[in-house]
Amino acid sequence: MPLMPYLVVDVDNWRALPRVCEFFPQFSETPYVHTSKGMHFYFRLDADEGFWRRLPNVIMKDGHELFSLRGSFWHTYVIGPHSRREDGFIYRAPSNLPPPAVVTAEQMEAFLAYYNPPISSQAYERAARLATPHARRFARALDIARYVAAAIDNETSQLARTPEGARNNTLYLASLRLFSFVKGGYADEFEVRQSLIQAARHSGLTNVEIERTMNSAYRVSDARFAQLKIERADQKKEGGYGRGSRR
């Protein structure tokens, strides 16, 4: 398998996303994984080997915003979607990750030049214009994804440490909470189930107990979501009639 040059941009502050999006508008199309502080975005860099050899591994700080840059022609600095963390759980990433987006050498040079002194007054003025509507929408979507990932980590970590006598109830409540994300379209059902199963097994529950409890929680979550849709439809209908009938 041939070596492939990768570039990883490690964003440690969510407020930094609008800035980075201007230099790399491909952010919304490239794979990423969640880290403890932010996210790692993976790119392919369209540049020759000489450019890669000159590309530094640097940490750039601009105010309270911190970026780490890692690049190498001969090896990759990539945390795979299934890499294990110190606590035994795995890094989470969306299913069916797309191929890394391609960035140009010119984009990289502009990015490095901007975050290396001296920074001109024109550069600061441009920074004030970076929070474009697209960047804000993308940052919002990532913020939701980060919240969901943190919720999954929290629920499964607590479940894995639950003592005997409270395991089934803890699994049931965790399943209810996490399946609500699935029903809302914010999480993948398979990934949620696998995370719950892994944590439940670690706590000492059997496969039969796990499946029974999770399926029970899923049915309740499904019924709740269906009822919520009915209630929202009724409210919308009543609101429409109310506006038309009131005098």
Protein backbone atom coordinates (compact mmCIF):
# COMPACT_ATOMS: atom_id res chain seq x y z
CA MET A 1 0.00 0.00 0.00
CA PRO A 2 1.66 3.29 -1.07
CA LEU A 3 2.42 5.96 1.47
CA MET A 4 0.01 8.86 1.32
CA PRO A 5 0.88 12.33 2.59
CA TYR A 6 -1.62 13.55 5.15
CA LEU A 7 -2.07 16.81 6.93
CA VAL A 8 -3.81 16.98 10.30
CA VAL A 9 -5.14 20.24 11.69
CA ASP A 10 -5.83 19.95 15.41
CA VAL A 11 -8.34 22.59 16.54
CA ASP A 12 -8.27 22.98 20.33
CA ASN A 13 -10.77 25.81 20.61
CA TRP A 14 -14.25 25.90 19.09
CA ARG A 15 -14.05 29.66 18.58
CA ALA A 16 -11.15 29.03 16.23
CA LEU A 17 -13.29 27.25 13.64
CA PRO A 18 -14.51 30.36 11.77
CA ARG A 19 -10.91 31.48 11.34
CA VAL A 20 -9.63 28.21 10.04
CA CYS A 21 -12.62 27.81 7.73
CA GLU A 22 -11.52 30.80 5.69
CA PHE A 23 -8.15 29.26 4.92
CA PHE A 24 -9.57 25.75 4.45
CA PRO A 25 -13.18 25.95 3.19
CA GLN A 26 -12.89 22.17 2.59
CA PHE A 27 -13.38 21.71 6.36
CA SER A 28 -17.03 20.80 5.90
CA GLU A 29 -16.13 18.00 3.46
CA THR A 30 -13.19 16.29 5.14
CA PRO A 31 -13.06 13.55 7.83
CA TYR A 32 -12.56 14.45 11.46
CA VAL A 33 -12.50 12.83 14.89
CA HIS A 34 -13.26 14.24 18.31
CA THR A 35 -10.41 14.74 20.76
CA SER A 36 -10.45 15.59 24.45
CA LYS A 37 -10.21 19.32 23.70
CA GLY A 38 -11.49 19.74 20.17
CA MET A 39 -11.17 17.96 16.85
CA HIS A 40 -8.62 16.57 14.39
CA PHE A 41 -9.35 17.32 10.72
CA TYR A 42 -7.62 15.20 8.07
CA PHE A 43 -6.55 16.51 4.67
CA ARG A 44 -4.47 15.49 1.70
CA LEU A 45 -1.97 18.16 0.73
CA ASP A 46 -1.43 18.65 -3.00
CA ALA A 47 2.28 19.44 -2.88
CA ASP A 48 5.57 17.85 -3.84
CA GLU A 49 7.89 16.04 -1.45
CA GLY A 50 10.10 19.09 -1.08
CA PHE A 51 7.22 21.11 0.30
CA TRP A 52 6.40 18.38 2.79
CA ARG A 53 9.99 18.24 3.98
CA ARG A 54 9.82 21.98 4.70
CA LEU A 55 6.44 21.75 6.41
CA PRO A 56 6.94 22.22 10.16
CA ASN A 57 5.13 20.54 13.00
CA VAL A 58 4.07 23.69 14.79
CA ILE A 59 1.69 25.02 17.39
CA MET A 60 0.23 28.40 16.51
CA LYS A 61 -1.42 30.55 19.12
CA ASP A 62 -3.47 33.62 18.32
CA GLY A 63 -4.97 35.14 21.44
CA HIS A 64 -6.91 32.32 23.11
CA GLU A 65 -7.11 30.25 19.94
CA LEU A 66 -4.70 27.38 19.53
CA PHE A 67 -3.96 25.33 16.43
CA SER A 68 -1.59 22.40 16.04
CA LEU A 69 -0.28 21.41 12.65
CA ARG A 70 1.22 18.02 11.87
CA GLY A 71 2.48 16.91 8.50
CA SER A 72 4.85 14.33 7.06
CA PHE A 73 5.45 12.76 3.68
CA TRP A 74 6.82 9.55 5.15
CA HIS A 75 4.36 8.87 7.92
CA THR A 76 0.93 10.02 8.97
CA TYR A 77 -0.10 11.77 12.14
CA VAL A 78 -3.61 10.39 12.31
CA ILE A 79 -5.75 9.16 15.17
CA GLY A 80 -7.86 6.47 13.58
CA PRO A 81 -11.59 6.33 14.30
CA HIS A 82 -11.09 3.16 16.33
CA SER A 83 -7.90 4.06 18.21
CA ARG A 84 -8.15 3.28 21.90
CA ARG A 85 -7.77 5.92 24.56
CA GLU A 86 -6.12 5.49 27.95
CA ASP A 87 -9.48 4.77 29.60
CA GLY A 88 -10.03 1.78 27.33
CA PHE A 89 -12.78 3.32 25.21
CA ILE A 90 -12.35 4.24 21.58
CA TYR A 91 -12.17 7.57 19.81
CA ARG A 92 -15.48 8.34 18.14
CA ALA A 93 -15.91 9.30 14.53
CA PRO A 94 -18.89 9.39 12.17
CA SER A 95 -19.65 6.27 10.14
CA ASN A 96 -18.58 6.09 6.50
CA LEU A 97 -15.95 8.79 6.63
CA PRO A 98 -15.39 10.41 3.23
CA PRO A 99 -11.91 10.57 1.65
CA PRO A 100 -9.78 13.44 2.96
CA ALA A 101 -10.31 16.72 1.16
CA VAL A 102 -7.39 18.16 -0.79
CA VAL A 103 -5.77 21.46 0.15
CA THR A 104 -3.20 23.25 -1.96
CA ALA A 105 0.32 24.31 -1.11
CA GLU A 106 -0.81 27.90 -1.59
CA GLN A 107 -3.47 27.50 1.09
CA MET A 108 -0.91 26.06 3.49
CA GLU A 109 1.58 28.84 2.80
CA ALA A 110 -1.09 31.48 3.43
CA PHE A 111 -2.12 29.78 6.66
CA LEU A 112 1.44 29.52 7.94
CA ALA A 113 2.26 33.08 6.93
CA TYR A 114 -0.81 34.42 8.71
CA TYR A 115 0.01 32.68 12.00
CA ASN A 116 3.71 33.48 12.02
CA PRO A 117 4.85 36.97 13.07
CA PRO A 118 4.86 39.68 12.04
CA ILE A 119 1.08 39.88 11.65
CA SER A 120 0.06 43.04 9.83
CA SER A 121 -2.84 45.30 10.73
CA GLN A 122 -4.51 44.21 7.48
CA ALA A 123 -4.38 40.61 8.69
CA TYR A 124 -6.10 41.56 11.94
CA GLU A 125 -8.78 43.44 9.99
CA ARG A 126 -9.35 40.39 7.84
CA ALA A 127 -9.63 38.19 10.93
CA ALA A 128 -12.62 40.24 12.05
CA ARG A 129 -14.45 39.25 8.86
CA LEU A 130 -13.83 35.53 9.09
CA ALA A 131 -16.99 34.52 10.95
CA THR A 132 -18.98 33.98 7.76
CA PRO A 133 -22.52 32.52 7.89
CA HIS A 134 -21.20 29.23 6.48
CA ALA A 135 -18.48 29.03 9.10
CA ARG A 136 -20.95 29.80 11.90
CA ARG A 137 -23.36 27.09 10.70
CA PHE A 138 -20.53 24.60 10.47
CA ALA A 139 -19.22 25.53 13.91
CA ARG A 140 -22.74 25.10 15.32
CA ALA A 141 -23.03 21.64 13.76
CA LEU A 142 -19.68 20.63 15.24
CA ASP A 143 -20.72 21.98 18.62
CA ILE A 144 -23.78 19.69 18.57
CA ALA A 145 -21.61 16.74 17.52
CA ARG A 146 -19.20 17.49 20.34
CA TYR A 147 -22.04 17.61 22.87
CA VAL A 148 -23.45 14.28 21.68
CA ALA A 149 -20.01 12.63 21.76
CA ALA A 150 -19.45 13.91 25.30
CA ALA A 151 -22.86 12.61 26.38
CA ILE A 152 -22.08 9.15 24.98
CA ASP A 153 -18.71 9.13 26.73
CA ASN A 154 -20.27 10.21 30.02
CA GLU A 155 -23.12 7.69 29.97
CA THR A 156 -20.96 4.74 28.96
CA SER A 157 -18.20 5.62 31.43
CA GLN A 158 -20.71 5.71 34.30
CA LEU A 159 -22.30 2.48 33.11
CA ALA A 160 -18.96 0.66 32.99
CA ARG A 161 -18.32 1.58 36.65
CA THR A 162 -21.81 0.73 37.95
CA PRO A 163 -21.78 -1.78 40.83
CA GLU A 164 -23.88 -4.93 40.95
CA GLY A 165 -27.51 -4.30 41.78
CA ALA A 166 -27.82 -1.09 39.77
CA ARG A 167 -26.49 -2.19 36.40
CA ASN A 168 -29.75 -2.91 34.59
CA ASN A 169 -31.35 0.32 35.75
CA THR A 170 -28.26 2.34 34.78
CA LEU A 171 -28.17 0.70 31.35
CA TYR A 172 -31.88 1.40 30.88
CA LEU A 173 -31.57 5.09 31.76
CA ALA A 174 -28.41 5.53 29.67
CA SER A 175 -30.12 3.86 26.72
CA LEU A 176 -33.14 6.15 27.04
CA ARG A 177 -30.95 9.25 26.99
CA LEU A 178 -28.74 8.15 24.13
CA PHE A 179 -31.55 6.78 21.98
CA SER A 180 -33.11 10.24 22.15
CA PHE A 181 -30.10 11.48 20.15
CA VAL A 182 -30.65 8.67 17.66
CA LYS A 183 -34.30 9.58 17.24
CA GLY A 184 -33.38 13.22 16.79
CA GLY A 185 -30.91 12.36 14.05
CA TYR A 186 -27.83 13.42 16.03
CA ALA A 187 -26.26 10.00 16.57
CA ASP A 188 -25.92 6.71 14.73
CA GLU A 189 -27.97 3.88 16.27
CA PHE A 190 -25.37 1.20 15.60
CA GLU A 191 -22.58 3.24 17.19
CA VAL A 192 -24.72 4.05 20.23
CA ARG A 193 -25.68 0.40 20.69
CA GLN A 194 -22.09 -0.77 20.35
CA SER A 195 -20.92 1.79 22.91
CA LEU A 196 -23.61 0.73 25.36
CA ILE A 197 -22.92 -2.98 24.83
CA GLN A 198 -19.19 -2.50 25.41
CA ALA A 199 -19.76 -0.57 28.63
CA ALA A 200 -22.48 -2.94 29.87
CA ARG A 201 -20.27 -5.97 29.33
CA HIS A 202 -17.51 -4.22 31.23
CA SER A 203 -19.91 -3.73 34.15
CA GLY A 204 -20.67 -7.46 34.24
CA LEU A 205 -24.04 -7.75 32.50
CA THR A 206 -24.68 -10.71 30.20
CA ASN A 207 -25.54 -10.36 26.53
CA VAL A 208 -29.12 -11.49 27.19
CA GLU A 209 -29.59 -8.87 29.92
CA ILE A 210 -28.05 -6.18 27.76
CA GLU A 211 -30.22 -6.87 24.71
CA ARG A 212 -33.40 -7.14 26.78
CA THR A 213 -32.79 -3.88 28.62
CA MET A 214 -31.65 -1.93 25.57
CA ASN A 215 -34.58 -3.09 23.45
CA SER A 216 -37.00 -2.13 26.20
CA ALA A 217 -35.48 1.36 26.38
CA TYR A 218 -35.57 1.65 22.60
CA ARG A 219 -39.29 0.84 22.48
CA VAL A 220 -40.02 3.47 25.12
CA SER A 221 -37.84 6.02 23.32
CA ASP A 222 -39.57 5.22 20.04
CA ALA A 223 -43.01 5.70 21.61
CA ARG A 224 -41.95 8.96 23.24
CA PHE A 225 -40.61 10.32 19.97
CA ALA A 226 -43.77 9.33 18.09
CA GLN A 227 -45.93 11.03 20.73
CA LEU A 228 -43.76 14.13 20.58
CA LYS A 229 -44.22 14.34 16.82
CA ILE A 230 -47.99 14.12 17.26
CA GLU A 231 -48.00 16.83 19.92
CA ARG A 232 -45.87 19.14 17.81
CA ALA A 233 -48.11 18.60 14.79
CA ASP A 234 -51.19 19.39 16.91
CA GLN A 235 -49.57 22.52 18.31
CA LYS A 236 -48.65 23.69 14.84
CA LYS A 237 -52.16 23.00 13.60
CA GLU A 238 -53.80 24.79 16.52
CA GLY A 239 -51.45 27.73 16.14
CA GLY A 240 -52.34 28.08 12.49
CA TYR A 241 -56.08 27.93 13.14
CA GLY A 242 -55.75 30.31 16.05
CA ARG A 243 -54.13 32.98 13.94
CA GLY A 244 -56.78 32.62 11.29
CA SER A 245 -59.84 32.51 13.57
CA ARG A 246 -59.02 35.15 16.15
CA ARG A 247 -60.56 38.56 15.69
